[in-house]
C-alpha atoms as a PDB file:
ATOM      1  CA  MET A   1     159.361  50.846 147.147  1.00  0.00           C
ATOM      2  CA  LYS A   2     155.883  50.569 147.332  1.00  0.00           C
ATOM      3  CA  PRO A   3     153.510  51.515 144.536  1.00  0.00           C
ATOM      4  CA  ALA A   4     151.096  54.081 144.710  1.00  0.00           C
ATOM      5  CA  PRO A   5     147.678  53.824 145.836  1.00  0.00           C
ATOM      6  CA  VAL A   6     145.406  54.205 142.776  1.00  0.00           C
ATOM      7  CA  ASN A   7     142.761  56.309 143.875  1.00  0.00           C
ATOM      8  CA  ILE A   8     141.612  57.800 140.118  1.00  0.00           C
ATOM      9  CA  ARG A   9     138.288  58.988 139.840  1.00  0.00           C
ATOM     10  CA  GLY A  10     136.178  59.149 136.695  1.00  0.00           C
ATOM     11  CA  PHE A  11     132.918  59.091 134.894  1.00  0.00           C
ATOM     12  CA  THR A  12     131.589  56.066 133.214  1.00  0.00           C
ATOM     13  CA  LEU A  13     130.638  55.573 129.910  1.00  0.00           C
ATOM     14  CA  VAL A  14     127.185  56.350 130.977  1.00  0.00           C
ATOM     15  CA  GLU A  15     127.357  59.434 132.443  1.00  0.00           C
ATOM     16  CA  VAL A  16     128.978  60.703 129.951  1.00  0.00           C
ATOM     17  CA  THR A  17     126.011  59.243 127.679  1.00  0.00           C
ATOM     18  CA  VAL A  18     123.645  61.022 130.033  1.00  0.00           C
ATOM     19  CA  VAL A  19     125.216  64.191 129.973  1.00  0.00           C
ATOM     20  CA  THR A  20     125.410  64.598 126.258  1.00  0.00           C
ATOM     21  CA  VAL A  21     121.921  63.633 125.563  1.00  0.00           C
ATOM     22  CA  LEU A  22     120.580  66.335 128.737  1.00  0.00           C
ATOM     23  CA  LEU A  23     122.742  68.850 126.507  1.00  0.00           C
ATOM     24  CA  ALA A  24     121.517  67.857 123.081  1.00  0.00           C
ATOM     25  CA  ILE A  25     118.400  68.026 124.618  1.00  0.00           C
ATOM     26  CA  LEU A  26     118.455  71.566 126.270  1.00  0.00           C
ATOM     27  CA  ALA A  27     119.810  73.056 123.272  1.00  0.00           C
ATOM     28  CA  ALA A  28     117.181  71.636 120.749  1.00  0.00           C
ATOM     29  CA  SER A  29     114.908  73.484 123.314  1.00  0.00           C
ATOM     30  CA  VAL A  30     116.379  76.916 123.173  1.00  0.00           C
ATOM     31  CA  LEU A  31     117.403  77.212 119.519  1.00  0.00           C
ATOM     32  CA  PRO A  32     113.676  77.717 118.114  1.00  0.00           C
ATOM     33  CA  ALA A  33     113.180  79.939 121.034  1.00  0.00           C
ATOM     34  CA  LEU A  34     116.375  82.435 119.632  1.00  0.00           C
ATOM     35  CA  GLU A  35     114.808  82.028 116.527  1.00  0.00           C
ATOM     36  CA  GLN A  36     111.585  83.320 117.960  1.00  0.00           C
ATOM     37  CA  MET A  37     113.352  85.994 119.904  1.00  0.00           C
ATOM     38  CA  ASP A  38     114.527  87.060 116.941  1.00  0.00           C
ATOM     39  CA  LYS A  39     111.244  86.918 114.955  1.00  0.00           C
ATOM     40  CA  THR A  40     109.654  89.125 117.373  1.00  0.00           C
ATOM     41  CA  ARG A  41     112.202  91.984 117.413  1.00  0.00           C
ATOM     42  CA  ARG A  42     111.681  92.273 113.575  1.00  0.00           C
ATOM     43  CA  ALA A  43     107.859  92.753 113.676  1.00  0.00           C
ATOM     44  CA  GLY A  44     108.716  95.381 117.187  1.00  0.00           C
ATOM     45  CA  ALA A  45     111.048  97.513 114.664  1.00  0.00           C
ATOM     46  CA  LEU A  46     108.358  96.887 112.215  1.00  0.00           C
ATOM     47  CA  ALA A  47     105.834  98.203 114.427  1.00  0.00           C
ATOM     48  CA  GLU A  48     107.971 100.888 115.240  1.00  0.00           C
ATOM     49  CA  ILE A  49     108.518 102.335 112.214  1.00  0.00           C
ATOM     50  CA  GLY A  50     104.962 102.389 110.758  1.00  0.00           C
ATOM     51  CA  LEU A  51     104.530 104.453 114.365  1.00  0.00           C
ATOM     52  CA  THR A  52     106.478 106.740 113.510  1.00  0.00           C
ATOM     53  CA  LEU A  53     105.586 107.033 110.064  1.00  0.00           C
ATOM     54  CA  ARG A  54     101.756 107.087 110.644  1.00  0.00           C
ATOM     55  CA  SER A  55     102.254 109.689 113.246  1.00  0.00           C
ATOM     56  CA  ALA A  56     103.675 112.116 111.282  1.00  0.00           C
ATOM     57  CA  ARG A  57     101.065 111.539 108.451  1.00  0.00           C
ATOM     58  CA  SER A  58      98.432 112.612 111.857  1.00  0.00           C
ATOM     59  CA  HIS A  59     101.089 115.279 112.239  1.00  0.00           C
ATOM     60  CA  ALA A  60     100.890 116.756 108.800  1.00  0.00           C
ATOM     61  CA  MET A  61      97.254 116.323 108.523  1.00  0.00           C
ATOM     62  CA  ALA A  62      96.365 118.176 112.178  1.00  0.00           C
ATOM     63  CA  SER A  63      99.027 121.009 111.686  1.00  0.00           C
ATOM     64  CA  GLY A  64      98.471 121.718 108.206  1.00  0.00           C
ATOM     65  CA  ASP A  65     101.957 121.489 107.782  1.00  0.00           C
ATOM     66  CA  PRO A  66     104.819 119.376 106.238  1.00  0.00           C
ATOM     67  CA  VAL A  67     105.948 117.054 108.545  1.00  0.00           C
ATOM     68  CA  GLY A  68     108.869 113.966 107.731  1.00  0.00           C
ATOM     69  CA  VAL A  69     110.782 111.107 109.353  1.00  0.00           C
ATOM     70  CA  LYS A  70     114.213 111.466 108.504  1.00  0.00           C
ATOM     71  CA  ILE A  71     115.840 108.273 107.828  1.00  0.00           C
ATOM     72  CA  ASP A  72     120.024 107.635 108.182  1.00  0.00           C
ATOM     73  CA  LEU A  73     120.436 103.933 106.952  1.00  0.00           C
ATOM     74  CA  ASP A  74     124.204 104.618 108.207  1.00  0.00           C
ATOM     75  CA  ALA A  75     123.274 104.690 111.679  1.00  0.00           C
ATOM     76  CA  GLY A  76     119.960 102.840 111.342  1.00  0.00           C
ATOM     77  CA  SER A  77     118.052 105.469 112.989  1.00  0.00           C
ATOM     78  CA  MET A  78     114.524 107.814 111.872  1.00  0.00           C
ATOM     79  CA  GLN A  79     113.252 111.226 113.273  1.00  0.00           C
ATOM     80  CA  PRO A  80     110.027 113.085 113.085  1.00  0.00           C
ATOM     81  CA  MET A  81     111.107 116.192 111.416  1.00  0.00           C
ATOM     82  CA  ARG A  82     108.641 119.579 110.623  1.00  0.00           C
ATOM     83  CA  LEU A  83     108.564 122.270 108.492  1.00  0.00           C
ATOM     84  CA  PRO A  84     107.094 125.196 110.390  1.00  0.00           C
ATOM     85  CA  PRO A  85     105.458 128.142 107.561  1.00  0.00           C
ATOM     86  CA  GLY A  86     108.228 130.291 106.151  1.00  0.00           C
ATOM     87  CA  GLY A  87     110.863 128.385 108.805  1.00  0.00           C
ATOM     88  CA  SER A  88     113.668 125.478 108.544  1.00  0.00           C
ATOM     89  CA  VAL A  89     113.487 121.838 108.613  1.00  0.00           C
ATOM     90  CA  LEU A  90     113.437 121.219 112.720  1.00  0.00           C
ATOM     91  CA  PRO A  91     113.155 117.776 114.409  1.00  0.00           C
ATOM     92  CA  MET A  92     109.476 117.589 115.938  1.00  0.00           C
ATOM     93  CA  ILE A  93     108.782 118.805 119.248  1.00  0.00           C
ATOM     94  CA  ASP A  94     107.138 116.083 122.096  1.00  0.00           C
ATOM     95  CA  ALA A  95     104.158 116.805 124.559  1.00  0.00           C
ATOM     96  CA  MET A  96     106.717 118.597 126.527  1.00  0.00           C
ATOM     97  CA  GLY A  97     108.057 120.977 124.321  1.00  0.00           C
ATOM     98  CA  SER A  98     111.571 119.230 123.766  1.00  0.00           C
ATOM     99  CA  PRO A  99     112.505 117.824 120.386  1.00  0.00           C
ATOM    100  CA  GLU A 100     111.819 114.052 119.276  1.00  0.00           C
ATOM    101  CA  PRO A 101     114.554 112.221 120.133  1.00  0.00           C
ATOM    102  CA  VAL A 102     116.301 110.191 117.187  1.00  0.00           C
ATOM    103  CA  CYS A 103     115.222 106.701 117.127  1.00  0.00           C
ATOM    104  CA  VAL A 104     117.973 104.156 116.578  1.00  0.00           C
ATOM    105  CA  LEU A 105     116.609 100.525 115.620  1.00  0.00           C
ATOM    106  CA  SER A 106     119.407  98.597 116.835  1.00  0.00           C
ATOM    107  CA  HIS A 107     119.683 100.103 120.168  1.00  0.00           C
ATOM    108  CA  LEU A 108     115.690  98.980 120.643  1.00  0.00           C
ATOM    109  CA  PHE A 109     115.536  96.152 119.085  1.00  0.00           C
ATOM    110  CA  PRO A 110     119.086  94.527 119.022  1.00  0.00           C
ATOM    111  CA  GLY A 111     119.975  92.665 115.781  1.00  0.00           C
ATOM    112  CA  VAL A 112     117.409  94.433 113.745  1.00  0.00           C
ATOM    113  CA  ALA A 113     119.118  96.867 110.809  1.00  0.00           C
ATOM    114  CA  ILE A 114     117.379  99.071 107.801  1.00  0.00           C
ATOM    115  CA  ALA A 115     118.418  96.914 104.607  1.00  0.00           C
ATOM    116  CA  GLU A 116     117.084  99.152 101.896  1.00  0.00           C
ATOM    117  CA  VAL A 117     114.980 102.298 101.684  1.00  0.00           C
ATOM    118  CA  VAL A 118     113.451 103.889  98.793  1.00  0.00           C
ATOM    119  CA  LEU A 119     112.306 107.470  99.278  1.00  0.00           C
ATOM    120  CA  PRO A 120     109.431 109.534  97.048  1.00  0.00           C
ATOM    121  CA  ASP A 121     111.900 110.492  94.329  1.00  0.00           C
ATOM    122  CA  GLY A 122     113.622 106.987  93.930  1.00  0.00           C
ATOM    123  CA  SER A 123     116.815 107.619  95.722  1.00  0.00           C
ATOM    124  CA  THR A 124     117.889 104.509  98.324  1.00  0.00           C
ATOM    125  CA  THR A 125     119.734 106.836 100.410  1.00  0.00           C
ATOM    126  CA  SER A 126     119.114 108.438 103.439  1.00  0.00           C
ATOM    127  CA  GLY A 127     116.941 111.069 103.402  1.00  0.00           C
ATOM    128  CA  THR A 128     113.814 112.636 104.529  1.00  0.00           C
ATOM    129  CA  VAL A 129     110.038 111.167 103.787  1.00  0.00           C
ATOM    130  CA  TRP A 130     107.498 114.162 104.000  1.00  0.00           C
ATOM    131  CA  PHE A 131     103.857 113.997 104.288  1.00  0.00           C
ATOM    132  CA  ALA A 132     102.221 116.967 102.986  1.00  0.00           C
ATOM    133  CA  SER A 133      98.835 118.843 104.697  1.00  0.00           C
ATOM    134  CA  GLU A 134      96.163 116.168 103.301  1.00  0.00           C
ATOM    135  CA  GLY A 135      98.429 112.844 103.924  1.00  0.00           C
ATOM    136  CA  SER A 136      99.728 112.428 100.785  1.00  0.00           C
ATOM    137  CA  LEU A 137     104.018 111.935 100.237  1.00  0.00           C
ATOM    138  CA  GLU A 138     105.864 114.678  98.646  1.00  0.00           C
ATOM    139  CA  ARG A 139     109.433 115.795  97.356  1.00  0.00           C
ATOM    140  CA  ARG A 140     111.517 118.146  99.440  1.00  0.00           C
ATOM    141  CA  ALA A 141     115.176 119.391  99.347  1.00  0.00           C
ATOM    142  CA  ALA A 142     117.328 119.011 102.486  1.00  0.00           C
ATOM    143  CA  ASN A 143     116.086 121.943 103.149  1.00  0.00           C
ATOM    144  CA  GLY A 144     112.627 121.658 103.140  1.00  0.00           C
ATOM    145  CA  SER A 145     111.939 123.635  99.734  1.00  0.00           C
ATOM    146  CA  TYR A 146     108.879 121.733  98.098  1.00  0.00           C
ATOM    147  CA  LEU A 147     109.864 119.542  94.725  1.00  0.00           C
ATOM    148  CA  GLY A 148     106.670 118.276  93.890  1.00  0.00           C
ATOM    149  CA  PRO A 149     104.395 115.428  94.210  1.00  0.00           C
ATOM    150  CA  ALA A 150     106.001 111.563  95.455  1.00  0.00           C
ATOM    151  CA  THR A 151     106.591 110.008  92.128  1.00  0.00           C
ATOM    152  CA  PHE A 152     107.565 106.717  93.537  1.00  0.00           C
ATOM    153  CA  ASP A 153     106.167 104.648  96.737  1.00  0.00           C
ATOM    154  CA  PHE A 154     107.776 105.251 100.136  1.00  0.00           C
ATOM    155  CA  SER A 155     109.719 101.939 101.199  1.00  0.00           C
ATOM    156  CA  ILE A 156     111.668 100.516 103.897  1.00  0.00           C
ATOM    157  CA  GLN A 157     112.809  97.109 104.582  1.00  0.00           C
ATOM    158  CA  ILE A 158     114.465  95.742 107.676  1.00  0.00           C
ATOM    159  CA  LYS A 159     117.390  93.344 107.198  1.00  0.00           C
ATOM    160  CA  ASP A 160     115.837  89.140 107.064  1.00  0.00           C
ATOM    161  CA  GLY A 161     112.644  90.031 106.352  1.00  0.00           C
ATOM    162  CA  GLY A 162     109.782  92.763 106.522  1.00  0.00           C
ATOM    163  CA  SER A 163     109.239  95.920 105.310  1.00  0.00           C
ATOM    164  CA  ILE A 164     106.515  98.866 105.033  1.00  0.00           C
ATOM    165  CA  VAL A 165     105.487 100.767 102.113  1.00  0.00           C
ATOM    166  CA  VAL A 166     103.940 104.164 102.263  1.00  0.00           C
ATOM    167  CA  ASP A 167     101.186 105.111  99.168  1.00  0.00           C
ATOM    168  CA  ARG A 168     102.540 108.194  97.258  1.00  0.00           C
ATOM    169  CA  MET A 169      99.139 109.179  96.678  1.00  0.00           C
ATOM    170  CA  THR A 170      97.337 108.332  99.442  1.00  0.00           C
ATOM    171  CA  GLY A 171      99.983 108.301 101.999  1.00  0.00           C
ATOM    172  CA  LEU A 172      98.387 104.632 103.616  1.00  0.00           C
ATOM    173  CA  VAL A 173     101.196 103.400 105.648  1.00  0.00           C
ATOM    174  CA  GLN A 174     100.963  99.378 104.652  1.00  0.00           C
END
Protein backbone atom coordinates (compact mmCIF):
# COMPACT_ATOMS: atom_id res chain seq x y z
CA MET A 1 0.00 0.00 0.00
CA LYS A 2 1.21 3.39 -0.99
CA PRO A 3 1.20 6.29 1.52
CA ALA A 4 -1.10 9.21 0.71
CA PRO A 5 0.62 12.14 -0.95
CA VAL A 6 1.44 14.99 1.38
CA ASN A 7 -0.11 18.05 -0.22
CA ILE A 8 -1.04 20.06 2.87
CA ARG A 9 -0.89 23.77 2.34
CA GLY A 10 -1.09 26.25 5.22
CA PHE A 11 0.09 29.63 6.44
CA THR A 12 3.46 30.27 7.92
CA LEU A 13 3.85 31.90 11.28
CA VAL A 14 5.21 35.03 9.57
CA GLU A 15 2.09 35.34 7.37
CA VAL A 16 -0.24 34.96 10.34
CA THR A 17 1.74 37.55 12.33
CA VAL A 18 1.69 40.07 9.46
CA VAL A 19 -2.08 39.72 9.02
CA THR A 20 -2.64 40.09 12.78
CA VAL A 21 -0.51 43.24 12.91
CA LEU A 22 -2.36 44.74 9.92
CA LEU A 23 -5.74 44.02 11.55
CA ALA A 24 -4.57 45.63 14.80
CA ILE A 25 -3.45 48.76 12.93
CA LEU A 26 -6.76 48.91 11.08
CA ALA A 27 -8.76 48.54 14.30
CA ALA A 28 -6.69 51.20 16.04
CA SER A 29 -7.38 53.67 13.24
CA VAL A 30 -11.12 52.94 12.96
CA LEU A 31 -12.10 53.20 16.65
CA PRO A 32 -11.31 56.94 16.98
CA ALA A 33 -13.33 57.60 13.83
CA LEU A 34 -16.34 55.80 15.33
CA GLU A 35 -16.01 57.83 18.53
CA GLN A 36 -15.85 61.04 16.50
CA MET A 37 -19.00 60.00 14.63
CA ASP A 38 -20.85 59.62 17.96
CA LYS A 39 -19.68 63.08 19.06
CA THR A 40 -20.84 64.53 15.75
CA ARG A 41 -24.27 62.93 16.14
CA ARG A 42 -24.64 64.32 19.67
CA ALA A 43 -23.60 67.78 18.47
CA GLY A 44 -26.09 67.54 15.60
CA ALA A 45 -28.90 66.52 17.95
CA LEU A 46 -28.14 69.43 20.28
CA ALA A 47 -28.12 71.80 17.31
CA GLU A 48 -31.49 70.44 16.15
CA ILE A 49 -33.01 70.83 19.63
CA GLY A 50 -31.63 74.36 19.92
CA LEU A 51 -32.93 75.29 16.47
CA THR A 52 -36.41 73.97 17.28
CA LEU A 53 -36.52 75.92 20.56
CA ARG A 54 -35.21 79.14 18.97
CA SER A 55 -37.72 78.81 16.14
CA ALA A 56 -40.60 78.35 18.60
CA ARG A 57 -39.49 81.42 20.56
CA SER A 58 -39.23 83.46 17.36
CA HIS A 59 -42.71 82.36 16.24
CA ALA A 60 -44.18 83.32 19.61
CA MET A 61 -42.59 86.76 19.45
CA ALA A 62 -43.61 87.32 15.82
CA SER A 63 -47.20 86.09 16.13
CA GLY A 64 -47.95 87.31 19.64
CA ASP A 65 -49.43 83.90 20.45
CA PRO A 66 -47.95 81.25 22.76
CA VAL A 67 -45.82 78.69 20.94
CA GLY A 68 -44.37 75.58 22.55
CA VAL A 69 -42.28 72.52 21.90
CA LYS A 70 -43.83 69.24 23.03
CA ILE A 71 -41.19 66.86 24.42
CA ASP A 72 -41.97 63.14 24.61
CA LEU A 73 -39.33 61.34 26.67
CA ASP A 74 -40.58 57.83 25.84
CA ALA A 75 -40.43 58.40 22.09
CA GLY A 76 -37.42 60.72 22.29
CA SER A 77 -39.29 63.23 20.16
CA MET A 78 -40.23 66.87 19.98
CA GLN A 79 -42.89 68.76 18.04
CA PRO A 80 -43.57 72.51 17.77
CA MET A 81 -47.06 73.42 18.99
CA ARG A 82 -49.14 76.61 18.78
CA LEU A 83 -52.03 78.07 20.72
CA PRO A 84 -54.17 80.37 18.57
CA PRO A 85 -56.40 82.92 20.37
CA GLY A 86 -59.45 81.17 21.79
CA GLY A 87 -58.35 77.88 20.29
CA SER A 88 -56.85 74.64 21.45
CA VAL A 89 -53.27 73.38 21.28
CA LEU A 90 -52.38 72.45 17.69
CA PRO A 91 -49.22 71.38 15.87
CA MET A 92 -47.29 74.26 14.34
CA ILE A 93 -47.99 74.88 10.65
CA ASP A 94 -45.06 74.86 8.22
CA ALA A 95 -44.60 77.19 5.23
CA MET A 96 -46.70 74.91 3.02
CA GLY A 97 -49.66 74.91 5.44
CA SER A 98 -49.08 71.38 6.71
CA PRO A 99 -48.61 70.43 10.37
CA GLU A 100 -44.95 70.33 11.43
CA PRO A 101 -43.81 66.71 11.67
CA VAL A 102 -42.74 65.11 14.91
CA CYS A 103 -38.94 65.10 15.16
CA VAL A 104 -37.71 61.77 16.55
CA LEU A 105 -34.08 62.35 17.50
CA SER A 106 -33.05 58.70 17.24
CA HIS A 107 -34.25 58.61 13.62
CA LEU A 108 -32.23 61.68 12.66
CA PHE A 109 -29.24 60.89 14.86
CA PRO A 110 -28.90 57.13 15.54
CA GLY A 111 -27.71 56.36 19.04
CA VAL A 112 -28.82 59.72 20.46
CA ALA A 113 -31.51 59.82 23.16
CA ILE A 114 -32.94 62.37 25.57
CA ALA A 115 -31.59 61.57 29.03
CA GLU A 116 -33.33 64.19 31.16
CA VAL A 117 -35.61 67.18 30.88
CA VAL A 118 -36.68 69.83 33.40
CA LEU A 119 -39.81 71.72 32.36
CA PRO A 120 -40.62 75.33 33.41
CA ASP A 121 -42.83 74.03 36.25
CA GLY A 122 -39.98 71.91 37.64
CA SER A 123 -41.36 68.56 36.50
CA THR A 124 -39.07 66.02 34.88
CA THR A 125 -41.62 64.20 32.74
CA SER A 126 -42.81 64.57 29.17
CA GLY A 127 -44.55 67.87 28.52
CA THR A 128 -44.49 71.12 26.58
CA VAL A 129 -42.18 74.07 27.07
CA TRP A 130 -44.14 77.25 26.22
CA PHE A 131 -42.83 80.61 25.03
CA ALA A 132 -44.89 83.75 25.71
CA SER A 133 -45.31 86.55 23.17
CA GLU A 134 -42.34 88.45 24.66
CA GLY A 135 -40.13 85.35 24.42
CA SER A 136 -40.03 84.32 28.09
CA LEU A 137 -41.06 80.89 29.35
CA GLU A 138 -44.48 80.28 30.86
CA ARG A 139 -46.37 77.42 32.46
CA ARG A 140 -49.45 76.06 30.73
CA ALA A 141 -51.74 73.09 31.31
CA ALA A 142 -52.01 70.30 28.72
CA ASN A 143 -55.08 72.03 27.24
CA GLY A 144 -53.14 75.30 26.88
CA SER A 145 -54.69 77.25 29.76
CA TYR A 146 -52.30 79.74 31.37
CA LEU A 147 -50.89 78.74 34.78
CA GLY A 148 -48.36 81.55 35.29
CA PRO A 149 -44.78 82.47 34.54
CA ALA A 150 -42.10 79.79 34.57
CA THR A 151 -40.63 78.96 37.96
CA PHE A 152 -37.64 77.01 36.58
CA ASP A 153 -35.32 77.29 33.61
CA PHE A 154 -36.05 74.67 30.97
CA SER A 155 -33.24 72.21 30.37
CA ILE A 156 -32.82 69.17 28.20
CA GLN A 157 -29.89 66.80 28.37
CA ILE A 158 -28.98 64.09 25.91
CA LYS A 159 -27.50 60.73 26.82
CA ASP A 160 -23.69 60.67 27.06
CA GLY A 161 -23.28 64.41 27.27
CA GLY A 162 -24.50 67.78 26.17
CA SER A 163 -27.42 69.91 27.27
CA ILE A 164 -29.40 73.00 26.36
CA VAL A 165 -30.83 75.44 28.87
CA VAL A 166 -33.53 78.05 28.22
CA ASP A 167 -33.58 80.99 30.64
CA ARG A 168 -37.04 81.30 32.19
CA MET A 169 -37.04 85.12 32.23
CA THR A 170 -35.60 85.95 28.80
CA GLY A 171 -36.23 82.75 26.87
CA LEU A 172 -32.62 82.81 25.70
CA VAL A 173 -31.64 79.37 24.38
CA GLN A 174 -28.12 78.44 25.46
